[in-house]
Amino acid sequence: MPMVKKTYSITEKLDHYVKERVESGEYATDSEYLRELIRRDQSDNKEIAYIRARLIKAEESGFTDQTKEEMLAEFKAELKDDGKLQTNS
């Protein structure tokens, strides 16, 4: 996939934090760290949208005996099974 060069400005405090993450060896470069954050955000937003849609559908269909924790666990399991949710472990 072709790369697009971008320039961002961040505070010194954030820059220091990013440098710490890179120096820890977890990421090779600032760009790698930023790309990972964007991927996580994309994944989180997909999960949130899916859960919202399921909750709306459930609300429209009536009552359930499931607790909200059970429903959330079921939704996450379905997302994982469909490959739409990546675990960060």
PDB file of N, CA and C in Angstrom:
ATOM      1  N   MET A   1       0.853  -1.175   0.000  1.00  0.00           N
ATOM      2  CA  MET A   1       0.000   0.000   0.000  1.00  0.00           C
ATOM      3  C   MET A   1       0.898   1.236   0.000  1.00  0.00           C
ATOM      4  N   PRO A   2       0.623   2.189  -0.884  1.00  0.00           N
ATOM      5  CA  PRO A   2       1.458   3.391  -0.936  1.00  0.00           C
ATOM      6  C   PRO A   2       1.320   4.221   0.338  1.00  0.00           C
ATOM      7  N   MET A   3       2.390   4.858   0.713  1.00  0.00           N
ATOM      8  CA  MET A   3       2.393   5.711   1.906  1.00  0.00           C
ATOM      9  C   MET A   3       2.179   7.160   1.498  1.00  0.00           C
ATOM     10  N   VAL A   4       1.491   7.903   2.342  1.00  0.00           N
ATOM     11  CA  VAL A   4       1.274   9.330   2.146  1.00  0.00           C
ATOM     12  C   VAL A   4       2.022  10.042   3.266  1.00  0.00           C
ATOM     13  N   LYS A   5       2.832  10.993   2.911  1.00  0.00           N
ATOM     14  CA  LYS A   5       3.596  11.730   3.916  1.00  0.00           C
ATOM     15  C   LYS A   5       2.719  12.820   4.513  1.00  0.00           C
ATOM     16  N   LYS A   6       2.683  12.886   5.841  1.00  0.00           N
ATOM     17  CA  LYS A   6       1.896  13.877   6.566  1.00  0.00           C
ATOM     18  C   LYS A   6       2.798  14.535   7.608  1.00  0.00           C
ATOM     19  N   THR A   7       2.447  15.732   8.008  1.00  0.00           N
ATOM     20  CA  THR A   7       3.164  16.437   9.063  1.00  0.00           C
ATOM     21  C   THR A   7       2.160  16.814  10.139  1.00  0.00           C
ATOM     22  N   TYR A   8       2.490  16.501  11.385  1.00  0.00           N
ATOM     23  CA  TYR A   8       1.612  16.813  12.509  1.00  0.00           C
ATOM     24  C   TYR A   8       2.386  17.604  13.547  1.00  0.00           C
ATOM     25  N   SER A   9       1.679  18.429  14.265  1.00  0.00           N
ATOM     26  CA  SER A   9       2.267  19.163  15.386  1.00  0.00           C
ATOM     27  C   SER A   9       1.673  18.619  16.667  1.00  0.00           C
ATOM     28  N   ILE A  10       2.538  18.363  17.641  1.00  0.00           N
ATOM     29  CA  ILE A  10       2.078  17.906  18.952  1.00  0.00           C
ATOM     30  C   ILE A  10       2.825  18.684  20.025  1.00  0.00           C
ATOM     31  N   THR A  11       2.306  18.653  21.223  1.00  0.00           N
ATOM     32  CA  THR A  11       2.954  19.357  22.323  1.00  0.00           C
ATOM     33  C   THR A  11       4.256  18.659  22.712  1.00  0.00           C
ATOM     34  N   GLU A  12       5.106  19.362  23.435  1.00  0.00           N
ATOM     35  CA  GLU A  12       6.353  18.758  23.903  1.00  0.00           C
ATOM     36  C   GLU A  12       6.069  17.566  24.816  1.00  0.00           C
ATOM     37  N   LYS A  13       5.048  17.690  25.622  1.00  0.00           N
ATOM     38  CA  LYS A  13       4.685  16.604  26.539  1.00  0.00           C
ATOM     39  C   LYS A  13       4.308  15.342  25.765  1.00  0.00           C
ATOM     40  N   LEU A  14       3.493  15.509  24.709  1.00  0.00           N
ATOM     41  CA  LEU A  14       3.118  14.358  23.890  1.00  0.00           C
ATOM     42  C   LEU A  14       4.323  13.807  23.137  1.00  0.00           C
ATOM     43  N   ASP A  15       5.174  14.693  22.657  1.00  0.00           N
ATOM     44  CA  ASP A  15       6.383  14.260  21.953  1.00  0.00           C
ATOM     45  C   ASP A  15       7.260  13.420  22.874  1.00  0.00           C
ATOM     46  N   HIS A  16       7.397  13.852  24.105  1.00  0.00           N
ATOM     47  CA  HIS A  16       8.189  13.102  25.079  1.00  0.00           C
ATOM     48  C   HIS A  16       7.588  11.709  25.295  1.00  0.00           C
ATOM     49  N   TYR A  17       6.268  11.654  25.399  1.00  0.00           N
ATOM     50  CA  TYR A  17       5.599  10.367  25.594  1.00  0.00           C
ATOM     51  C   TYR A  17       5.833   9.440  24.398  1.00  0.00           C
ATOM     52  N   VAL A  18       5.683   9.972  23.197  1.00  0.00           N
ATOM     53  CA  VAL A  18       5.895   9.164  21.990  1.00  0.00           C
ATOM     54  C   VAL A  18       7.336   8.656  21.955  1.00  0.00           C
ATOM     55  N   LYS A  19       8.295   9.520  22.268  1.00  0.00           N
ATOM     56  CA  LYS A  19       9.700   9.111  22.288  1.00  0.00           C
ATOM     57  C   LYS A  19       9.930   7.990  23.295  1.00  0.00           C
ATOM     58  N   GLU A  20       9.281   8.068  24.447  1.00  0.00           N
ATOM     59  CA  GLU A  20       9.400   7.002  25.449  1.00  0.00           C
ATOM     60  C   GLU A  20       8.887   5.674  24.900  1.00  0.00           C
ATOM     61  N   ARG A  21       7.769   5.723  24.186  1.00  0.00           N
ATOM     62  CA  ARG A  21       7.189   4.500  23.607  1.00  0.00           C
ATOM     63  C   ARG A  21       8.137   3.895  22.578  1.00  0.00           C
ATOM     64  N   VAL A  22       8.751   4.729  21.767  1.00  0.00           N
ATOM     65  CA  VAL A  22       9.685   4.246  20.751  1.00  0.00           C
ATOM     66  C   VAL A  22      10.952   3.710  21.422  1.00  0.00           C
ATOM     67  N   GLU A  23      11.478   4.451  22.397  1.00  0.00           N
ATOM     68  CA  GLU A  23      12.701   4.026  23.087  1.00  0.00           C
ATOM     69  C   GLU A  23      12.507   2.731  23.869  1.00  0.00           C
ATOM     70  N   SER A  24      11.262   2.436  24.252  1.00  0.00           N
ATOM     71  CA  SER A  24      10.995   1.195  24.984  1.00  0.00           C
ATOM     72  C   SER A  24      11.187  -0.030  24.096  1.00  0.00           C
ATOM     73  N   GLY A  25      11.223   0.213  22.775  1.00  0.00           N
ATOM     74  CA  GLY A  25      11.389  -0.891  21.830  1.00  0.00           C
ATOM     75  C   GLY A  25      10.090  -1.473  21.319  1.00  0.00           C
ATOM     76  N   GLU A  26       8.976  -0.987  21.850  1.00  0.00           N
ATOM     77  CA  GLU A  26       7.683  -1.511  21.408  1.00  0.00           C
ATOM     78  C   GLU A  26       7.376  -1.080  19.973  1.00  0.00           C
ATOM     79  N   TYR A  27       7.868   0.091  19.591  1.00  0.00           N
ATOM     80  CA  TYR A  27       7.678   0.619  18.242  1.00  0.00           C
ATOM     81  C   TYR A  27       9.026   1.056  17.694  1.00  0.00           C
ATOM     82  N   ALA A  28       9.204   0.906  16.397  1.00  0.00           N
ATOM     83  CA  ALA A  28      10.477   1.265  15.778  1.00  0.00           C
ATOM     84  C   ALA A  28      10.580   2.763  15.499  1.00  0.00           C
ATOM     85  N   THR A  29       9.432   3.384  15.184  1.00  0.00           N
ATOM     86  CA  THR A  29       9.430   4.806  14.836  1.00  0.00           C
ATOM     87  C   THR A  29       8.165   5.473  15.357  1.00  0.00           C
ATOM     88  N   ASP A  30       8.201   6.810  15.343  1.00  0.00           N
ATOM     89  CA  ASP A  30       6.997   7.574  15.695  1.00  0.00           C
ATOM     90  C   ASP A  30       5.843   7.210  14.764  1.00  0.00           C
ATOM     91  N   SER A  31       6.159   7.072  13.484  1.00  0.00           N
ATOM     92  CA  SER A  31       5.121   6.764  12.484  1.00  0.00           C
ATOM     93  C   SER A  31       4.468   5.415  12.751  1.00  0.00           C
ATOM     94  N   GLU A  32       5.273   4.434  13.129  1.00  0.00           N
ATOM     95  CA  GLU A  32       4.717   3.115  13.429  1.00  0.00           C
ATOM     96  C   GLU A  32       3.747   3.201  14.601  1.00  0.00           C
ATOM     97  N   TYR A  33       4.109   3.971  15.619  1.00  0.00           N
ATOM     98  CA  TYR A  33       3.248   4.157  16.785  1.00  0.00           C
ATOM     99  C   TYR A  33       1.940   4.840  16.374  1.00  0.00           C
ATOM    100  N   LEU A  34       2.028   5.876  15.570  1.00  0.00           N
ATOM    101  CA  LEU A  34       0.835   6.590  15.120  1.00  0.00           C
ATOM    102  C   LEU A  34      -0.074   5.690  14.284  1.00  0.00           C
ATOM    103  N   ARG A  35       0.515   4.911  13.388  1.00  0.00           N
ATOM    104  CA  ARG A  35      -0.302   3.991  12.577  1.00  0.00           C
ATOM    105  C   ARG A  35      -1.036   2.986  13.462  1.00  0.00           C
ATOM    106  N   GLU A  36      -0.359   2.479  14.484  1.00  0.00           N
ATOM    107  CA  GLU A  36      -0.997   1.529  15.409  1.00  0.00           C
ATOM    108  C   GLU A  36      -2.161   2.188  16.147  1.00  0.00           C
ATOM    109  N   LEU A  37      -1.982   3.425  16.577  1.00  0.00           N
ATOM    110  CA  LEU A  37      -3.070   4.138  17.260  1.00  0.00           C
ATOM    111  C   LEU A  37      -4.268   4.317  16.336  1.00  0.00           C
ATOM    112  N   ILE A  38      -4.016   4.630  15.076  1.00  0.00           N
ATOM    113  CA  ILE A  38      -5.106   4.801  14.111  1.00  0.00           C
ATOM    114  C   ILE A  38      -5.825   3.475  13.882  1.00  0.00           C
ATOM    115  N   ARG A  39      -5.061   2.381  13.756  1.00  0.00           N
ATOM    116  CA  ARG A  39      -5.690   1.062  13.569  1.00  0.00           C
ATOM    117  C   ARG A  39      -6.564   0.703  14.760  1.00  0.00           C
ATOM    118  N   ARG A  40      -6.070   0.957  15.960  1.00  0.00           N
ATOM    119  CA  ARG A  40      -6.860   0.672  17.163  1.00  0.00           C
ATOM    120  C   ARG A  40      -8.141   1.497  17.173  1.00  0.00           C
ATOM    121  N   ASP A  41      -8.029   2.771  16.796  1.00  0.00           N
ATOM    122  CA  ASP A  41      -9.195   3.642  16.757  1.00  0.00           C
ATOM    123  C   ASP A  41     -10.217   3.124  15.753  1.00  0.00           C
ATOM    124  N   GLN A  42      -9.745   2.677  14.583  1.00  0.00           N
ATOM    125  CA  GLN A  42     -10.655   2.110  13.580  1.00  0.00           C
ATOM    126  C   GLN A  42     -11.374   0.892  14.146  1.00  0.00           C
ATOM    127  N   SER A  43     -10.632   0.021  14.799  1.00  0.00           N
ATOM    128  CA  SER A  43     -11.213  -1.194  15.374  1.00  0.00           C
ATOM    129  C   SER A  43     -12.228  -0.845  16.454  1.00  0.00           C
ATOM    130  N   ASP A  44     -11.865   0.097  17.324  1.00  0.00           N
ATOM    131  CA  ASP A  44     -12.773   0.508  18.396  1.00  0.00           C
ATOM    132  C   ASP A  44     -14.062   1.085  17.821  1.00  0.00           C
ATOM    133  N   ASN A  45     -13.938   1.910  16.788  1.00  0.00           N
ATOM    134  CA  ASN A  45     -15.125   2.525  16.193  1.00  0.00           C
ATOM    135  C   ASN A  45     -16.018   1.499  15.515  1.00  0.00           C
ATOM    136  N   LYS A  46     -15.423   0.483  14.886  1.00  0.00           N
ATOM    137  CA  LYS A  46     -16.227  -0.589  14.294  1.00  0.00           C
ATOM    138  C   LYS A  46     -17.000  -1.328  15.383  1.00  0.00           C
ATOM    139  N   GLU A  47     -16.304  -1.609  16.486  1.00  0.00           N
ATOM    140  CA  GLU A  47     -16.949  -2.318  17.595  1.00  0.00           C
ATOM    141  C   GLU A  47     -18.095  -1.492  18.167  1.00  0.00           C
ATOM    142  N   ILE A  48     -17.867  -0.215  18.380  1.00  0.00           N
ATOM    143  CA  ILE A  48     -18.900   0.658  18.934  1.00  0.00           C
ATOM    144  C   ILE A  48     -20.107   0.735  18.006  1.00  0.00           C
ATOM    145  N   ALA A  49     -19.865   0.895  16.712  1.00  0.00           N
ATOM    146  CA  ALA A  49     -20.966   0.976  15.744  1.00  0.00           C
ATOM    147  C   ALA A  49     -21.769  -0.322  15.735  1.00  0.00           C
ATOM    148  N   TYR A  50     -21.077  -1.463  15.789  1.00  0.00           N
ATOM    149  CA  TYR A  50     -21.758  -2.750  15.780  1.00  0.00           C
ATOM    150  C   TYR A  50     -22.611  -2.917  17.038  1.00  0.00           C
ATOM    151  N   ILE A  51     -22.048  -2.574  18.177  1.00  0.00           N
ATOM    152  CA  ILE A  51     -22.776  -2.723  19.435  1.00  0.00           C
ATOM    153  C   ILE A  51     -23.979  -1.790  19.462  1.00  0.00           C
ATOM    154  N   ARG A  52     -23.815  -0.570  18.995  1.00  0.00           N
ATOM    155  CA  ARG A  52     -24.952   0.363  18.924  1.00  0.00           C
ATOM    156  C   ARG A  52     -26.069  -0.208  18.060  1.00  0.00           C
ATOM    157  N   ALA A  53     -25.689  -0.718  16.893  1.00  0.00           N
ATOM    158  CA  ALA A  53     -26.695  -1.279  15.987  1.00  0.00           C
ATOM    159  C   ALA A  53     -27.418  -2.449  16.635  1.00  0.00           C
ATOM    160  N   ARG A  54     -26.664  -3.317  17.318  1.00  0.00           N
ATOM    161  CA  ARG A  54     -27.289  -4.461  17.990  1.00  0.00           C
ATOM    162  C   ARG A  54     -28.199  -4.017  19.117  1.00  0.00           C
ATOM    163  N   LEU A  55     -27.782  -3.013  19.878  1.00  0.00           N
ATOM    164  CA  LEU A  55     -28.611  -2.521  20.979  1.00  0.00           C
ATOM    165  C   LEU A  55     -29.905  -1.902  20.456  1.00  0.00           C
ATOM    166  N   ILE A  56     -29.805  -1.151  19.376  1.00  0.00           N
ATOM    167  CA  ILE A  56     -31.005  -0.558  18.768  1.00  0.00           C
ATOM    168  C   ILE A  56     -31.938  -1.660  18.285  1.00  0.00           C
ATOM    169  N   LYS A  57     -31.370  -2.657  17.611  1.00  0.00           N
ATOM    170  CA  LYS A  57     -32.174  -3.774  17.127  1.00  0.00           C
ATOM    171  C   LYS A  57     -32.836  -4.504  18.295  1.00  0.00           C
ATOM    172  N   ALA A  58     -32.086  -4.726  19.363  1.00  0.00           N
ATOM    173  CA  ALA A  58     -32.631  -5.423  20.529  1.00  0.00           C
ATOM    174  C   ALA A  58     -33.732  -4.596  21.185  1.00  0.00           C
ATOM    175  N   GLU A  59     -33.492  -3.297  21.284  1.00  0.00           N
ATOM    176  CA  GLU A  59     -34.497  -2.421  21.894  1.00  0.00           C
ATOM    177  C   GLU A  59     -35.792  -2.437  21.087  1.00  0.00           C
ATOM    178  N   GLU A  60     -35.664  -2.448  19.776  1.00  0.00           N
ATOM    179  CA  GLU A  60     -36.840  -2.446  18.913  1.00  0.00           C
ATOM    180  C   GLU A  60     -37.567  -3.784  18.926  1.00  0.00           C
ATOM    181  N   SER A  61     -36.865  -4.860  19.251  1.00  0.00           N
ATOM    182  CA  SER A  61     -37.486  -6.189  19.199  1.00  0.00           C
ATOM    183  C   SER A  61     -38.149  -6.593  20.510  1.00  0.00           C
ATOM    184  N   GLY A  62     -37.930  -5.848  21.565  1.00  0.00           N
ATOM    185  CA  GLY A  62     -38.608  -6.173  22.815  1.00  0.00           C
ATOM    186  C   GLY A  62     -37.652  -6.489  23.941  1.00  0.00           C
ATOM    187  N   PHE A  63     -38.141  -7.240  24.917  1.00  0.00           N
ATOM    188  CA  PHE A  63     -37.406  -7.504  26.137  1.00  0.00           C
ATOM    189  C   PHE A  63     -36.516  -8.739  26.022  1.00  0.00           C
ATOM    190  N   THR A  64     -35.511  -8.786  26.899  1.00  0.00           N
ATOM    191  CA  THR A  64     -34.611  -9.937  26.973  1.00  0.00           C
ATOM    192  C   THR A  64     -34.299 -10.207  28.439  1.00  0.00           C
ATOM    193  N   ASP A  65     -33.894 -11.421  28.717  1.00  0.00           N
ATOM    194  CA  ASP A  65     -33.492 -11.773  30.074  1.00  0.00           C
ATOM    195  C   ASP A  65     -31.997 -11.554  30.288  1.00  0.00           C
ATOM    196  N   GLN A  66     -31.285 -11.213  29.210  1.00  0.00           N
ATOM    197  CA  GLN A  66     -29.845 -11.009  29.324  1.00  0.00           C
ATOM    198  C   GLN A  66     -29.542  -9.693  30.038  1.00  0.00           C
ATOM    199  N   THR A  67     -28.447  -9.722  30.812  1.00  0.00           N
ATOM    200  CA  THR A  67     -27.961  -8.484  31.401  1.00  0.00           C
ATOM    201  C   THR A  67     -27.174  -7.725  30.349  1.00  0.00           C
ATOM    202  N   LYS A  68     -26.887  -6.455  30.597  1.00  0.00           N
ATOM    203  CA  LYS A  68     -26.116  -5.687  29.622  1.00  0.00           C
ATOM    204  C   LYS A  68     -24.703  -6.250  29.471  1.00  0.00           C
ATOM    205  N   GLU A  69     -24.151  -6.824  30.555  1.00  0.00           N
ATOM    206  CA  GLU A  69     -22.839  -7.441  30.482  1.00  0.00           C
ATOM    207  C   GLU A  69     -22.854  -8.688  29.597  1.00  0.00           C
ATOM    208  N   GLU A  70     -23.919  -9.487  29.720  1.00  0.00           N
ATOM    209  CA  GLU A  70     -24.061 -10.681  28.884  1.00  0.00           C
ATOM    210  C   GLU A  70     -24.232 -10.298  27.416  1.00  0.00           C
ATOM    211  N   MET A  71     -25.006  -9.251  27.177  1.00  0.00           N
ATOM    212  CA  MET A  71     -25.202  -8.793  25.803  1.00  0.00           C
ATOM    213  C   MET A  71     -23.882  -8.300  25.205  1.00  0.00           C
ATOM    214  N   LEU A  72     -23.130  -7.523  25.967  1.00  0.00           N
ATOM    215  CA  LEU A  72     -21.855  -7.005  25.480  1.00  0.00           C
ATOM    216  C   LEU A  72     -20.895  -8.150  25.177  1.00  0.00           C
ATOM    217  N   ALA A  73     -20.833  -9.140  26.052  1.00  0.00           N
ATOM    218  CA  ALA A  73     -19.965 -10.298  25.819  1.00  0.00           C
ATOM    219  C   ALA A  73     -20.383 -11.050  24.559  1.00  0.00           C
ATOM    220  N   GLU A  74     -21.680 -11.200  24.353  1.00  0.00           N
ATOM    221  CA  GLU A  74     -22.181 -11.874  23.151  1.00  0.00           C
ATOM    222  C   GLU A  74     -21.814 -11.088  21.891  1.00  0.00           C
ATOM    223  N   PHE A  75     -22.005  -9.772  21.931  1.00  0.00           N
ATOM    224  CA  PHE A  75     -21.688  -8.936  20.767  1.00  0.00           C
ATOM    225  C   PHE A  75     -20.202  -9.017  20.434  1.00  0.00           C
ATOM    226  N   LYS A  76     -19.354  -8.930  21.459  1.00  0.00           N
ATOM    227  CA  LYS A  76     -17.908  -8.992  21.227  1.00  0.00           C
ATOM    228  C   LYS A  76     -17.498 -10.350  20.669  1.00  0.00           C
ATOM    229  N   ALA A  77     -18.105 -11.405  21.176  1.00  0.00           N
ATOM    230  CA  ALA A  77     -17.794 -12.748  20.673  1.00  0.00           C
ATOM    231  C   ALA A  77     -18.177 -12.869  19.201  1.00  0.00           C
ATOM    232  N   GLU A  78     -19.327 -12.324  18.837  1.00  0.00           N
ATOM    233  CA  GLU A  78     -19.754 -12.358  17.432  1.00  0.00           C
ATOM    234  C   GLU A  78     -18.790 -11.575  16.545  1.00  0.00           C
ATOM    235  N   LEU A  79     -18.354 -10.416  17.021  1.00  0.00           N
ATOM    236  CA  LEU A  79     -17.399  -9.611  16.254  1.00  0.00           C
ATOM    237  C   LEU A  79     -16.074 -10.353  16.070  1.00  0.00           C
ATOM    238  N   LYS A  80     -15.610 -11.006  17.122  1.00  0.00           N
ATOM    239  CA  LYS A  80     -14.361 -11.770  17.034  1.00  0.00           C
ATOM    240  C   LYS A  80     -14.517 -12.917  16.044  1.00  0.00           C
ATOM    241  N   ASP A  81     -15.655 -13.617  16.117  1.00  0.00           N
ATOM    242  CA  ASP A  81     -15.908 -14.743  15.205  1.00  0.00           C
ATOM    243  C   ASP A  81     -15.954 -14.282  13.755  1.00  0.00           C
ATOM    244  N   ASP A  82     -16.488 -13.079  13.526  1.00  0.00           N
ATOM    245  CA  ASP A  82     -16.591 -12.537  12.173  1.00  0.00           C
ATOM    246  C   ASP A  82     -15.290 -11.875  11.719  1.00  0.00           C
ATOM    247  N   GLY A  83     -14.290 -11.816  12.619  1.00  0.00           N
ATOM    248  CA  GLY A  83     -13.017 -11.175  12.283  1.00  0.00           C
ATOM    249  C   GLY A  83     -13.090  -9.667  12.256  1.00  0.00           C
ATOM    250  N   LYS A  84     -14.132  -9.096  12.834  1.00  0.00           N
ATOM    251  CA  LYS A  84     -14.298  -7.645  12.830  1.00  0.00           C
ATOM    252  C   LYS A  84     -13.759  -6.990  14.096  1.00  0.00           C
ATOM    253  N   LEU A  85     -13.331  -7.809  15.050  1.00  0.00           N
ATOM    254  CA  LEU A  85     -12.781  -7.279  16.291  1.00  0.00           C
ATOM    255  C   LEU A  85     -11.463  -7.937  16.536  1.00  0.00           C
ATOM    256  N   GLN A  86     -10.434  -7.107  16.696  1.00  0.00           N
ATOM    257  CA  GLN A  86      -9.108  -7.617  17.001  1.00  0.00           C
ATOM    258  C   GLN A  86      -8.861  -7.436  18.486  1.00  0.00           C
ATOM    259  N   THR A  87      -8.286  -8.440  19.101  1.00  0.00           N
ATOM    260  CA  THR A  87      -7.940  -8.304  20.507  1.00  0.00           C
ATOM    261  C   THR A  87      -6.570  -7.680  20.597  1.00  0.00           C
ATOM    262  N   ASN A  88      -6.365  -6.845  21.618  1.00  0.00           N
ATOM    263  CA  ASN A  88      -5.088  -6.157  21.809  1.00  0.00           C
ATOM    264  C   ASN A  88      -4.219  -6.866  22.825  1.00  0.00           C
ATOM    265  N   SER A  89      -4.350  -8.183  22.911  1.00  0.00           N
ATOM    266  CA  SER A  89      -3.553  -8.925  23.869  1.00  0.00           C
ATOM    267  C   SER A  89      -2.335  -9.508  23.225  1.00  0.00           C
TER     268      SER A  89
END
